[in-house]
């Protein structure tokens, strides 16, 4: 049975994330303990809320270098994805710098309000194990006001008022802007791919 260390960066969606892993037969633990995180077979960095508050929490727990140095598969979701980038425009926040990109505020329009809330088609730019057996153009559930522009580390994109990175990947690190735990069967498949992944 696979175990997942869920880094406590604040936010209120942890119960649904843990339940999603339970349904896959994986155990999970919410923690800020560095040794627990280092020794876990899989690590998840979730997040809901503000980038500055989440980064303050990670720094206070002494976890910024711990996260950067992890060698096992690591998945960031929603705000967790943005925290894994170099910075966020949200309150001009310095982040972890795992991905060479910065989160930018989404631009809105009358038919594309901000935050972006709802189901968006997600299109692969390159193959990745996280997307194994997931149809291209599948719909995932998004809730966000900031997004990562498309970069060389982007493996999937979605559209709001402009294209943005839906999934980023670098070495053992991967991150999704959407909420897989709220994305029905396709989200469960993505989490299953993560649970079964190797670094």
N, C-alpha and C. Protein backbone atom coordinates (compact mmCIF):
# COMPACT_ATOMS: atom_id res chain seq x y z
N UNK A 1 0.85 -1.20 0.00
CA UNK A 1 0.00 0.00 0.00
C UNK A 1 0.89 1.25 0.00
N UNK A 2 0.62 2.16 -0.91
CA UNK A 2 1.43 3.38 -1.03
C UNK A 2 1.03 4.39 0.03
N UNK A 3 2.04 5.09 0.58
CA UNK A 3 1.80 6.13 1.56
C UNK A 3 2.15 7.48 0.96
N UNK A 4 1.33 8.49 1.22
CA UNK A 4 1.53 9.83 0.71
C UNK A 4 1.63 10.80 1.88
N UNK A 5 2.73 11.54 1.96
CA UNK A 5 2.85 12.63 2.94
C UNK A 5 2.24 13.89 2.32
N UNK A 6 1.23 14.44 2.95
CA UNK A 6 0.58 15.66 2.49
C UNK A 6 1.12 16.82 3.32
N UNK A 7 1.83 17.73 2.66
CA UNK A 7 2.44 18.85 3.36
C UNK A 7 1.36 19.84 3.77
N UNK A 8 1.35 20.19 5.04
CA UNK A 8 0.34 21.11 5.57
C UNK A 8 0.77 22.55 5.31
N UNK A 9 0.28 23.09 4.19
CA UNK A 9 0.56 24.49 3.84
C UNK A 9 -0.65 25.38 4.11
N UNK A 10 -1.63 24.86 4.84
CA UNK A 10 -2.86 25.59 5.08
C UNK A 10 -3.88 25.27 3.99
N UNK A 11 -5.12 25.66 4.22
CA UNK A 11 -6.17 25.37 3.24
C UNK A 11 -7.19 24.42 3.80
N UNK A 12 -8.34 24.38 3.15
CA UNK A 12 -9.48 23.67 3.71
C UNK A 12 -9.90 22.45 2.90
N UNK A 13 -9.08 22.05 1.91
CA UNK A 13 -9.51 20.95 1.04
C UNK A 13 -8.83 19.64 1.39
N UNK A 14 -8.19 19.55 2.55
CA UNK A 14 -7.38 18.38 2.88
C UNK A 14 -8.25 17.13 3.03
N UNK A 15 -9.42 17.25 3.63
CA UNK A 15 -10.26 16.08 3.84
C UNK A 15 -10.63 15.42 2.52
N UNK A 16 -10.97 16.21 1.51
CA UNK A 16 -11.34 15.64 0.22
C UNK A 16 -10.13 15.02 -0.48
N UNK A 17 -8.95 15.61 -0.29
CA UNK A 17 -7.73 15.03 -0.86
C UNK A 17 -7.44 13.68 -0.22
N UNK A 18 -7.53 13.61 1.09
CA UNK A 18 -7.24 12.35 1.79
C UNK A 18 -8.27 11.28 1.42
N UNK A 19 -9.51 11.68 1.29
CA UNK A 19 -10.54 10.72 0.89
C UNK A 19 -10.27 10.17 -0.50
N UNK A 20 -9.78 11.04 -1.40
CA UNK A 20 -9.45 10.59 -2.75
C UNK A 20 -8.36 9.53 -2.72
N UNK A 21 -7.36 9.70 -1.87
CA UNK A 21 -6.31 8.68 -1.74
C UNK A 21 -6.86 7.41 -1.08
N UNK A 22 -7.72 7.59 -0.09
CA UNK A 22 -8.33 6.42 0.56
C UNK A 22 -9.02 5.53 -0.47
N UNK A 23 -9.75 6.14 -1.38
CA UNK A 23 -10.49 5.38 -2.40
C UNK A 23 -9.56 4.62 -3.34
N UNK A 24 -8.32 5.09 -3.44
CA UNK A 24 -7.33 4.41 -4.28
C UNK A 24 -6.54 3.36 -3.51
N UNK A 25 -6.84 3.21 -2.22
CA UNK A 25 -6.12 2.25 -1.40
C UNK A 25 -4.79 2.75 -0.92
N UNK A 26 -4.55 4.07 -0.97
CA UNK A 26 -3.31 4.67 -0.49
C UNK A 26 -3.55 5.32 0.87
N UNK A 27 -2.60 5.20 1.77
CA UNK A 27 -2.68 5.89 3.05
C UNK A 27 -2.08 7.28 2.89
N UNK A 28 -2.50 8.21 3.74
CA UNK A 28 -1.97 9.57 3.67
C UNK A 28 -1.87 10.15 5.07
N UNK A 29 -1.02 11.16 5.19
CA UNK A 29 -0.77 11.79 6.49
C UNK A 29 -0.51 13.27 6.26
N UNK A 30 -1.24 14.13 6.95
CA UNK A 30 -1.01 15.57 6.89
C UNK A 30 0.10 15.93 7.87
N UNK A 31 1.14 16.60 7.40
CA UNK A 31 2.31 16.77 8.25
C UNK A 31 3.12 18.01 7.88
N UNK A 32 3.87 18.52 8.83
CA UNK A 32 4.92 19.51 8.58
C UNK A 32 6.26 18.99 9.10
N UNK A 33 6.33 17.70 9.42
CA UNK A 33 7.56 17.12 9.95
C UNK A 33 8.51 16.78 8.80
N UNK A 34 9.71 17.35 8.84
CA UNK A 34 10.66 17.20 7.73
C UNK A 34 11.03 15.75 7.48
N UNK A 35 11.28 14.98 8.53
CA UNK A 35 11.71 13.59 8.34
C UNK A 35 10.58 12.73 7.79
N UNK A 36 9.36 13.00 8.23
CA UNK A 36 8.21 12.28 7.67
C UNK A 36 8.09 12.54 6.19
N UNK A 37 8.29 13.78 5.79
CA UNK A 37 8.20 14.15 4.37
C UNK A 37 9.34 13.53 3.57
N UNK A 38 10.55 13.61 4.09
CA UNK A 38 11.70 13.06 3.36
C UNK A 38 11.58 11.55 3.16
N UNK A 39 11.00 10.84 4.11
CA UNK A 39 10.97 9.38 4.05
C UNK A 39 9.73 8.83 3.35
N UNK A 40 8.76 9.67 3.02
CA UNK A 40 7.53 9.19 2.40
C UNK A 40 7.78 8.75 0.96
N UNK A 41 7.13 7.69 0.50
CA UNK A 41 7.28 7.25 -0.90
C UNK A 41 6.75 8.27 -1.91
N UNK A 42 5.71 9.03 -1.52
CA UNK A 42 5.11 10.07 -2.36
C UNK A 42 4.84 11.28 -1.48
N UNK A 43 4.93 12.47 -2.08
CA UNK A 43 4.67 13.71 -1.35
C UNK A 43 3.70 14.56 -2.17
N UNK A 44 2.71 15.13 -1.48
CA UNK A 44 1.74 16.02 -2.11
C UNK A 44 1.84 17.39 -1.46
N UNK A 45 1.90 18.43 -2.30
CA UNK A 45 1.84 19.82 -1.83
C UNK A 45 0.54 20.42 -2.31
N UNK A 46 -0.50 20.43 -1.47
CA UNK A 46 -1.78 21.02 -1.87
C UNK A 46 -1.78 22.51 -1.53
N UNK A 47 -2.93 23.12 -1.65
CA UNK A 47 -3.02 24.52 -1.25
C UNK A 47 -4.31 25.15 -1.73
N UNK A 48 -4.93 25.90 -0.85
CA UNK A 48 -6.07 26.74 -1.18
C UNK A 48 -5.87 28.02 -0.40
N UNK A 49 -5.99 29.16 -1.07
CA UNK A 49 -5.82 30.42 -0.35
C UNK A 49 -4.76 31.28 -0.99
N UNK A 50 -4.01 32.01 -0.16
CA UNK A 50 -3.07 33.02 -0.63
C UNK A 50 -1.64 32.49 -0.63
N UNK A 51 -0.88 32.82 -1.67
CA UNK A 51 0.49 32.34 -1.81
C UNK A 51 1.37 32.83 -0.66
N UNK A 52 1.24 34.08 -0.27
CA UNK A 52 2.13 34.61 0.78
C UNK A 52 1.92 33.88 2.10
N UNK A 53 0.66 33.64 2.47
CA UNK A 53 0.38 32.94 3.73
C UNK A 53 0.92 31.51 3.69
N UNK A 54 0.75 30.84 2.56
CA UNK A 54 1.22 29.46 2.44
C UNK A 54 2.74 29.41 2.50
N UNK A 55 3.44 30.34 1.83
CA UNK A 55 4.89 30.34 1.88
C UNK A 55 5.39 30.69 3.27
N UNK A 56 4.70 31.59 3.95
CA UNK A 56 5.07 31.91 5.34
C UNK A 56 4.97 30.67 6.22
N UNK A 57 3.94 29.89 5.99
CA UNK A 57 3.76 28.66 6.78
C UNK A 57 4.87 27.65 6.49
N UNK A 58 5.23 27.49 5.22
CA UNK A 58 6.30 26.56 4.86
C UNK A 58 7.64 27.01 5.43
N UNK A 59 7.91 28.31 5.37
CA UNK A 59 9.18 28.81 5.93
C UNK A 59 9.23 28.63 7.43
N UNK A 60 8.12 28.90 8.11
CA UNK A 60 8.07 28.76 9.57
C UNK A 60 8.32 27.32 9.99
N UNK A 61 7.89 26.37 9.16
CA UNK A 61 8.10 24.96 9.46
C UNK A 61 9.47 24.46 9.01
N UNK A 62 10.26 25.32 8.38
CA UNK A 62 11.58 24.93 7.90
C UNK A 62 11.53 23.96 6.73
N UNK A 63 10.53 24.10 5.86
CA UNK A 63 10.31 23.10 4.82
C UNK A 63 10.72 23.54 3.41
N UNK A 64 11.15 24.77 3.21
CA UNK A 64 11.42 25.21 1.84
C UNK A 64 12.54 24.40 1.20
N UNK A 65 13.68 24.27 1.88
CA UNK A 65 14.78 23.47 1.31
C UNK A 65 14.44 21.99 1.30
N UNK A 66 13.69 21.53 2.30
CA UNK A 66 13.28 20.13 2.35
C UNK A 66 12.52 19.77 1.08
N UNK A 67 11.57 20.60 0.69
CA UNK A 67 10.75 20.33 -0.51
C UNK A 67 11.62 20.37 -1.76
N UNK A 68 12.47 21.38 -1.88
CA UNK A 68 13.32 21.51 -3.07
C UNK A 68 14.23 20.31 -3.27
N UNK A 69 14.63 19.66 -2.18
CA UNK A 69 15.62 18.58 -2.25
C UNK A 69 15.00 17.18 -2.33
N UNK A 70 13.68 17.08 -2.37
CA UNK A 70 13.04 15.77 -2.41
C UNK A 70 13.40 15.02 -3.69
N UNK A 71 13.57 13.71 -3.57
CA UNK A 71 13.94 12.87 -4.70
C UNK A 71 12.80 11.95 -5.16
N UNK A 72 11.80 11.73 -4.31
CA UNK A 72 10.69 10.86 -4.65
C UNK A 72 9.66 11.64 -5.47
N UNK A 73 8.65 10.97 -6.04
CA UNK A 73 7.62 11.69 -6.78
C UNK A 73 6.89 12.72 -5.89
N UNK A 74 6.78 13.94 -6.38
CA UNK A 74 6.13 15.04 -5.67
C UNK A 74 5.09 15.65 -6.60
N UNK A 75 3.87 15.83 -6.08
CA UNK A 75 2.78 16.42 -6.84
C UNK A 75 2.28 17.67 -6.12
N UNK A 76 2.23 18.78 -6.83
CA UNK A 76 1.59 19.99 -6.32
C UNK A 76 0.25 20.17 -6.98
N UNK A 77 -0.76 20.60 -6.23
CA UNK A 77 -2.07 20.85 -6.83
C UNK A 77 -2.58 22.23 -6.45
N UNK A 78 -3.21 22.88 -7.43
CA UNK A 78 -3.81 24.21 -7.29
C UNK A 78 -2.77 25.21 -6.78
N UNK A 79 -2.98 25.83 -5.62
CA UNK A 79 -1.98 26.76 -5.10
C UNK A 79 -0.64 26.09 -4.91
N UNK A 80 -0.64 24.80 -4.60
CA UNK A 80 0.61 24.06 -4.46
C UNK A 80 1.45 24.13 -5.72
N UNK A 81 0.82 24.10 -6.88
CA UNK A 81 1.54 24.26 -8.15
C UNK A 81 2.22 25.63 -8.20
N UNK A 82 1.50 26.66 -7.83
CA UNK A 82 2.06 28.02 -7.89
C UNK A 82 3.19 28.19 -6.89
N UNK A 83 3.08 27.55 -5.72
CA UNK A 83 4.14 27.62 -4.73
C UNK A 83 5.42 26.96 -5.23
N UNK A 84 5.32 26.01 -6.14
CA UNK A 84 6.49 25.32 -6.67
C UNK A 84 7.20 26.13 -7.75
N UNK A 85 6.62 27.26 -8.14
CA UNK A 85 7.24 28.14 -9.13
C UNK A 85 8.17 29.15 -8.45
N UNK A 86 8.78 30.00 -9.25
CA UNK A 86 9.74 30.95 -8.70
C UNK A 86 9.07 32.04 -7.86
N UNK A 87 7.88 32.46 -8.29
CA UNK A 87 7.22 33.58 -7.63
C UNK A 87 5.76 33.61 -8.02
N UNK A 88 5.01 34.46 -7.31
CA UNK A 88 3.62 34.71 -7.65
C UNK A 88 3.37 36.21 -7.63
N UNK A 89 2.60 36.69 -8.58
CA UNK A 89 2.20 38.11 -8.57
C UNK A 89 1.30 38.41 -7.38
N UNK A 90 0.71 37.39 -6.79
CA UNK A 90 -0.16 37.59 -5.64
C UNK A 90 0.67 38.09 -4.46
N UNK A 91 0.52 39.34 -4.13
CA UNK A 91 1.27 39.99 -3.05
C UNK A 91 2.79 39.90 -3.28
N UNK A 92 3.20 39.79 -4.55
CA UNK A 92 4.63 39.79 -4.92
C UNK A 92 5.42 38.81 -4.06
N UNK A 93 5.04 37.54 -4.14
CA UNK A 93 5.54 36.51 -3.23
C UNK A 93 6.64 35.68 -3.88
N UNK A 94 7.77 35.54 -3.20
CA UNK A 94 8.81 34.60 -3.62
C UNK A 94 8.39 33.20 -3.22
N UNK A 95 8.57 32.24 -4.15
CA UNK A 95 8.12 30.88 -3.89
C UNK A 95 9.31 29.91 -3.93
N UNK A 96 9.06 28.65 -4.22
CA UNK A 96 10.07 27.61 -4.02
C UNK A 96 11.09 27.51 -5.16
N UNK A 97 10.73 27.95 -6.35
CA UNK A 97 11.69 27.96 -7.45
C UNK A 97 11.98 26.61 -8.06
N UNK A 98 11.11 25.65 -7.91
CA UNK A 98 11.30 24.33 -8.53
C UNK A 98 11.06 24.41 -10.03
N UNK A 99 10.04 25.16 -10.43
CA UNK A 99 9.76 25.41 -11.84
C UNK A 99 10.18 26.83 -12.20
N UNK A 100 10.72 27.00 -13.41
CA UNK A 100 11.21 28.31 -13.84
C UNK A 100 10.07 29.10 -14.48
N UNK A 101 9.16 29.55 -13.64
CA UNK A 101 8.01 30.31 -14.10
C UNK A 101 7.44 31.06 -12.90
N UNK A 102 6.56 31.99 -13.17
CA UNK A 102 5.91 32.75 -12.11
C UNK A 102 4.41 32.78 -12.36
N UNK A 103 3.63 32.72 -11.28
CA UNK A 103 2.18 32.78 -11.38
C UNK A 103 1.74 34.22 -11.66
N UNK A 104 0.91 34.38 -12.65
CA UNK A 104 0.41 35.70 -13.06
C UNK A 104 -1.10 35.76 -12.82
N UNK A 105 -1.60 36.94 -12.50
CA UNK A 105 -3.04 37.08 -12.32
C UNK A 105 -3.75 36.87 -13.65
N UNK A 106 -4.82 36.07 -13.62
CA UNK A 106 -5.63 35.88 -14.81
C UNK A 106 -6.30 37.18 -15.22
N UNK A 107 -6.36 37.43 -16.51
CA UNK A 107 -7.13 38.57 -16.99
C UNK A 107 -8.53 38.10 -17.31
N UNK A 108 -9.51 38.90 -16.94
CA UNK A 108 -10.90 38.51 -17.11
C UNK A 108 -11.58 39.26 -18.23
N UNK A 109 -12.79 38.82 -18.54
CA UNK A 109 -13.64 39.47 -19.52
C UNK A 109 -15.08 39.15 -19.14
N UNK A 110 -16.07 39.80 -19.76
CA UNK A 110 -17.46 39.53 -19.37
C UNK A 110 -17.85 38.05 -19.45
N UNK A 111 -17.30 37.33 -20.42
CA UNK A 111 -17.63 35.91 -20.53
C UNK A 111 -16.56 35.01 -19.92
N UNK A 112 -15.51 35.60 -19.36
CA UNK A 112 -14.44 34.84 -18.71
C UNK A 112 -14.11 35.49 -17.37
N UNK A 113 -14.97 35.33 -16.37
CA UNK A 113 -14.73 36.00 -15.09
C UNK A 113 -13.54 35.40 -14.34
N UNK A 114 -13.03 36.20 -13.42
CA UNK A 114 -11.95 35.76 -12.52
C UNK A 114 -12.48 35.83 -11.10
N UNK A 115 -12.29 34.78 -10.29
CA UNK A 115 -11.52 33.58 -10.58
C UNK A 115 -12.19 32.66 -11.59
N UNK A 116 -11.36 31.84 -12.21
CA UNK A 116 -11.84 30.80 -13.11
C UNK A 116 -12.34 29.64 -12.24
N UNK A 117 -13.63 29.36 -12.32
CA UNK A 117 -14.23 28.30 -11.51
C UNK A 117 -15.06 27.40 -12.42
N UNK A 118 -14.67 26.14 -12.50
CA UNK A 118 -15.46 25.20 -13.27
C UNK A 118 -14.59 24.23 -14.04
N UNK A 119 -15.23 23.53 -14.97
CA UNK A 119 -14.59 22.45 -15.73
C UNK A 119 -13.97 23.00 -17.00
N UNK A 120 -12.69 22.69 -17.21
CA UNK A 120 -11.98 23.15 -18.40
C UNK A 120 -11.33 21.96 -19.11
N UNK A 121 -11.44 21.95 -20.43
CA UNK A 121 -10.74 20.95 -21.23
C UNK A 121 -9.24 21.14 -21.05
N UNK A 122 -8.53 20.04 -20.91
CA UNK A 122 -7.10 20.07 -20.62
C UNK A 122 -6.38 19.26 -21.69
N UNK A 123 -5.45 19.92 -22.39
CA UNK A 123 -4.83 19.33 -23.57
C UNK A 123 -3.34 19.09 -23.34
N UNK A 124 -2.89 17.88 -23.66
CA UNK A 124 -1.48 17.53 -23.49
C UNK A 124 -0.62 18.19 -24.56
N UNK A 125 0.55 18.66 -24.16
CA UNK A 125 1.56 19.17 -25.10
C UNK A 125 2.64 18.13 -25.34
N UNK A 126 2.84 17.25 -24.36
CA UNK A 126 3.85 16.19 -24.48
C UNK A 126 3.42 15.04 -23.57
N UNK A 127 3.86 13.83 -23.87
CA UNK A 127 3.47 12.68 -23.04
C UNK A 127 4.05 12.81 -21.63
N UNK A 128 3.30 12.33 -20.66
CA UNK A 128 3.79 12.30 -19.28
C UNK A 128 3.07 11.18 -18.54
N UNK A 129 3.78 10.46 -17.65
CA UNK A 129 3.15 9.36 -16.92
C UNK A 129 1.91 9.78 -16.13
N UNK A 130 1.83 11.04 -15.69
CA UNK A 130 0.66 11.48 -14.94
C UNK A 130 -0.61 11.42 -15.79
N UNK A 131 -0.45 11.49 -17.11
CA UNK A 131 -1.59 11.50 -18.03
C UNK A 131 -1.84 10.15 -18.68
N UNK A 132 -1.21 9.12 -18.16
CA UNK A 132 -1.36 7.78 -18.73
C UNK A 132 -2.84 7.34 -18.69
N UNK A 133 -3.35 6.89 -19.83
CA UNK A 133 -4.73 6.40 -19.98
C UNK A 133 -5.78 7.49 -19.70
N UNK A 134 -5.39 8.75 -19.87
CA UNK A 134 -6.34 9.86 -19.77
C UNK A 134 -6.49 10.48 -21.15
N UNK A 135 -7.71 10.57 -21.64
CA UNK A 135 -7.95 11.08 -22.99
C UNK A 135 -7.54 12.55 -23.09
N UNK A 136 -6.90 12.90 -24.19
CA UNK A 136 -6.56 14.30 -24.42
C UNK A 136 -7.84 15.12 -24.53
N UNK A 137 -7.84 16.28 -23.92
CA UNK A 137 -9.03 17.12 -23.90
C UNK A 137 -9.98 16.81 -22.77
N UNK A 138 -9.59 15.92 -21.85
CA UNK A 138 -10.45 15.61 -20.70
C UNK A 138 -10.68 16.86 -19.85
N UNK A 139 -11.83 16.89 -19.20
CA UNK A 139 -12.20 18.04 -18.38
C UNK A 139 -11.83 17.80 -16.92
N UNK A 140 -11.12 18.79 -16.34
CA UNK A 140 -10.78 18.81 -14.92
C UNK A 140 -11.39 20.05 -14.29
N UNK A 141 -11.51 20.00 -12.95
CA UNK A 141 -12.18 21.09 -12.22
C UNK A 141 -11.15 22.09 -11.70
N UNK A 142 -11.34 23.36 -12.04
CA UNK A 142 -10.42 24.45 -11.69
C UNK A 142 -11.09 25.48 -10.79
N UNK A 143 -10.32 26.03 -9.86
CA UNK A 143 -10.72 27.20 -9.07
C UNK A 143 -9.45 28.01 -8.83
N UNK A 144 -9.26 29.10 -9.57
CA UNK A 144 -8.01 29.87 -9.41
C UNK A 144 -8.15 31.25 -10.03
N UNK A 145 -7.41 32.20 -9.43
CA UNK A 145 -7.35 33.56 -9.95
C UNK A 145 -5.98 33.90 -10.53
N UNK A 146 -5.01 33.01 -10.31
CA UNK A 146 -3.66 33.17 -10.84
C UNK A 146 -3.31 31.91 -11.62
N UNK A 147 -2.41 32.04 -12.56
CA UNK A 147 -2.05 30.89 -13.40
C UNK A 147 -0.62 31.04 -13.88
N UNK A 148 -0.06 29.91 -14.32
CA UNK A 148 1.30 29.89 -14.84
C UNK A 148 1.24 29.99 -16.36
N UNK A 149 1.95 30.94 -16.97
CA UNK A 149 1.99 30.96 -18.44
C UNK A 149 2.58 29.66 -19.00
N UNK A 150 2.34 29.42 -20.26
CA UNK A 150 2.89 28.23 -20.91
C UNK A 150 4.40 28.38 -21.04
N UNK A 151 5.15 27.38 -20.57
CA UNK A 151 6.61 27.40 -20.59
C UNK A 151 7.14 26.09 -21.16
N UNK A 152 8.47 25.97 -21.20
CA UNK A 152 9.09 24.74 -21.68
C UNK A 152 8.80 23.56 -20.75
N UNK A 153 8.41 23.83 -19.49
CA UNK A 153 8.10 22.78 -18.53
C UNK A 153 6.62 22.42 -18.51
N UNK A 154 5.83 23.03 -19.37
CA UNK A 154 4.39 22.75 -19.45
C UNK A 154 4.16 21.47 -20.23
N UNK A 155 3.43 20.53 -19.63
CA UNK A 155 3.09 19.29 -20.35
C UNK A 155 1.60 19.22 -20.70
N UNK A 156 0.79 20.13 -20.16
CA UNK A 156 -0.63 20.22 -20.54
C UNK A 156 -1.10 21.65 -20.32
N UNK A 157 -2.07 22.06 -21.12
CA UNK A 157 -2.59 23.42 -21.05
C UNK A 157 -4.11 23.40 -20.93
N UNK A 158 -4.65 24.53 -20.49
CA UNK A 158 -6.09 24.78 -20.51
C UNK A 158 -6.29 26.23 -20.93
N UNK A 159 -7.55 26.60 -21.15
CA UNK A 159 -7.86 27.95 -21.65
C UNK A 159 -8.79 28.68 -20.70
N UNK A 160 -8.48 29.95 -20.48
CA UNK A 160 -9.42 30.87 -19.83
C UNK A 160 -9.55 32.04 -20.79
N UNK A 161 -9.09 33.21 -20.41
CA UNK A 161 -9.00 34.29 -21.39
C UNK A 161 -7.73 34.16 -22.22
N UNK A 162 -6.84 33.26 -21.77
CA UNK A 162 -5.64 32.93 -22.50
C UNK A 162 -5.23 31.51 -22.12
N UNK A 163 -4.32 30.92 -22.89
CA UNK A 163 -3.80 29.62 -22.52
C UNK A 163 -2.95 29.73 -21.26
N UNK A 164 -3.01 28.71 -20.42
CA UNK A 164 -2.15 28.67 -19.23
C UNK A 164 -1.71 27.24 -18.98
N UNK A 165 -0.72 27.08 -18.12
CA UNK A 165 -0.20 25.75 -17.80
C UNK A 165 -1.18 25.01 -16.89
N UNK A 166 -1.65 23.88 -17.36
CA UNK A 166 -2.49 23.02 -16.54
C UNK A 166 -1.65 22.02 -15.74
N UNK A 167 -0.55 21.56 -16.34
CA UNK A 167 0.38 20.65 -15.67
C UNK A 167 1.80 21.06 -16.02
N UNK A 168 2.65 21.13 -15.01
CA UNK A 168 4.08 21.37 -15.17
C UNK A 168 4.83 20.13 -14.71
N UNK A 169 6.00 19.88 -15.29
CA UNK A 169 6.80 18.74 -14.86
C UNK A 169 8.29 19.05 -15.00
N UNK A 170 9.04 18.60 -14.01
CA UNK A 170 10.51 18.69 -14.06
C UNK A 170 11.08 17.60 -13.16
N UNK A 171 11.78 16.66 -13.76
CA UNK A 171 12.37 15.55 -13.00
C UNK A 171 11.29 14.82 -12.19
N UNK A 172 11.47 14.73 -10.89
CA UNK A 172 10.50 14.02 -10.04
C UNK A 172 9.34 14.91 -9.59
N UNK A 173 9.35 16.16 -10.00
CA UNK A 173 8.31 17.11 -9.60
C UNK A 173 7.27 17.29 -10.71
N UNK A 174 6.01 17.24 -10.34
CA UNK A 174 4.92 17.49 -11.27
C UNK A 174 3.85 18.28 -10.52
N UNK A 175 3.10 19.10 -11.24
CA UNK A 175 2.11 19.94 -10.56
C UNK A 175 0.94 20.19 -11.49
N UNK A 176 -0.24 20.27 -10.90
CA UNK A 176 -1.49 20.48 -11.65
C UNK A 176 -2.22 21.70 -11.10
N UNK A 177 -2.68 22.56 -11.99
CA UNK A 177 -3.43 23.74 -11.55
C UNK A 177 -4.84 23.38 -11.08
N UNK A 178 -5.40 22.31 -11.62
CA UNK A 178 -6.76 21.90 -11.28
C UNK A 178 -6.78 21.09 -9.99
N UNK A 179 -7.99 20.75 -9.55
CA UNK A 179 -8.20 19.92 -8.37
C UNK A 179 -8.52 18.50 -8.80
N UNK A 180 -7.57 17.58 -8.81
CA UNK A 180 -7.90 16.21 -9.21
C UNK A 180 -8.90 15.55 -8.26
N UNK A 181 -8.85 15.91 -6.98
CA UNK A 181 -9.76 15.29 -6.01
C UNK A 181 -11.20 15.73 -6.21
N UNK A 182 -11.42 16.74 -7.04
CA UNK A 182 -12.78 17.22 -7.35
C UNK A 182 -13.13 17.01 -8.82
N UNK A 183 -12.33 16.20 -9.51
CA UNK A 183 -12.46 16.04 -10.96
C UNK A 183 -12.98 14.66 -11.37
N UNK A 184 -13.82 14.07 -10.54
CA UNK A 184 -14.52 12.84 -10.88
C UNK A 184 -13.55 11.72 -11.27
N UNK A 185 -13.97 10.87 -12.21
CA UNK A 185 -13.18 9.68 -12.56
C UNK A 185 -11.84 10.03 -13.17
N UNK A 186 -11.80 11.09 -13.98
CA UNK A 186 -10.54 11.45 -14.63
C UNK A 186 -9.52 11.96 -13.60
N UNK A 187 -10.01 12.66 -12.59
CA UNK A 187 -9.12 13.10 -11.52
C UNK A 187 -8.60 11.94 -10.69
N UNK A 188 -9.48 10.97 -10.45
CA UNK A 188 -9.06 9.76 -9.72
C UNK A 188 -8.00 9.00 -10.49
N UNK A 189 -8.14 8.96 -11.82
CA UNK A 189 -7.14 8.27 -12.64
C UNK A 189 -5.80 8.97 -12.56
N UNK A 190 -5.82 10.29 -12.58
CA UNK A 190 -4.57 11.04 -12.48
C UNK A 190 -3.89 10.78 -11.13
N UNK A 191 -4.65 10.79 -10.04
CA UNK A 191 -4.07 10.50 -8.73
C UNK A 191 -3.56 9.06 -8.66
N UNK A 192 -4.27 8.15 -9.31
CA UNK A 192 -3.80 6.77 -9.36
C UNK A 192 -2.46 6.69 -10.09
N UNK A 193 -2.32 7.43 -11.19
CA UNK A 193 -1.05 7.47 -11.91
C UNK A 193 0.06 8.00 -11.02
N UNK A 194 -0.24 9.00 -10.21
CA UNK A 194 0.76 9.56 -9.30
C UNK A 194 1.15 8.52 -8.23
N UNK A 195 0.16 7.87 -7.66
CA UNK A 195 0.44 6.88 -6.62
C UNK A 195 1.32 5.76 -7.16
N UNK A 196 1.16 5.42 -8.44
CA UNK A 196 1.92 4.32 -9.03
C UNK A 196 3.20 4.77 -9.72
N UNK A 197 3.49 6.09 -9.69
CA UNK A 197 4.63 6.61 -10.44
C UNK A 197 5.94 6.28 -9.75
N UNK A 198 7.01 6.40 -10.51
CA UNK A 198 8.36 6.27 -9.98
C UNK A 198 9.15 7.52 -10.33
N UNK A 199 10.07 7.90 -9.45
CA UNK A 199 10.84 9.13 -9.70
C UNK A 199 11.79 8.94 -10.87
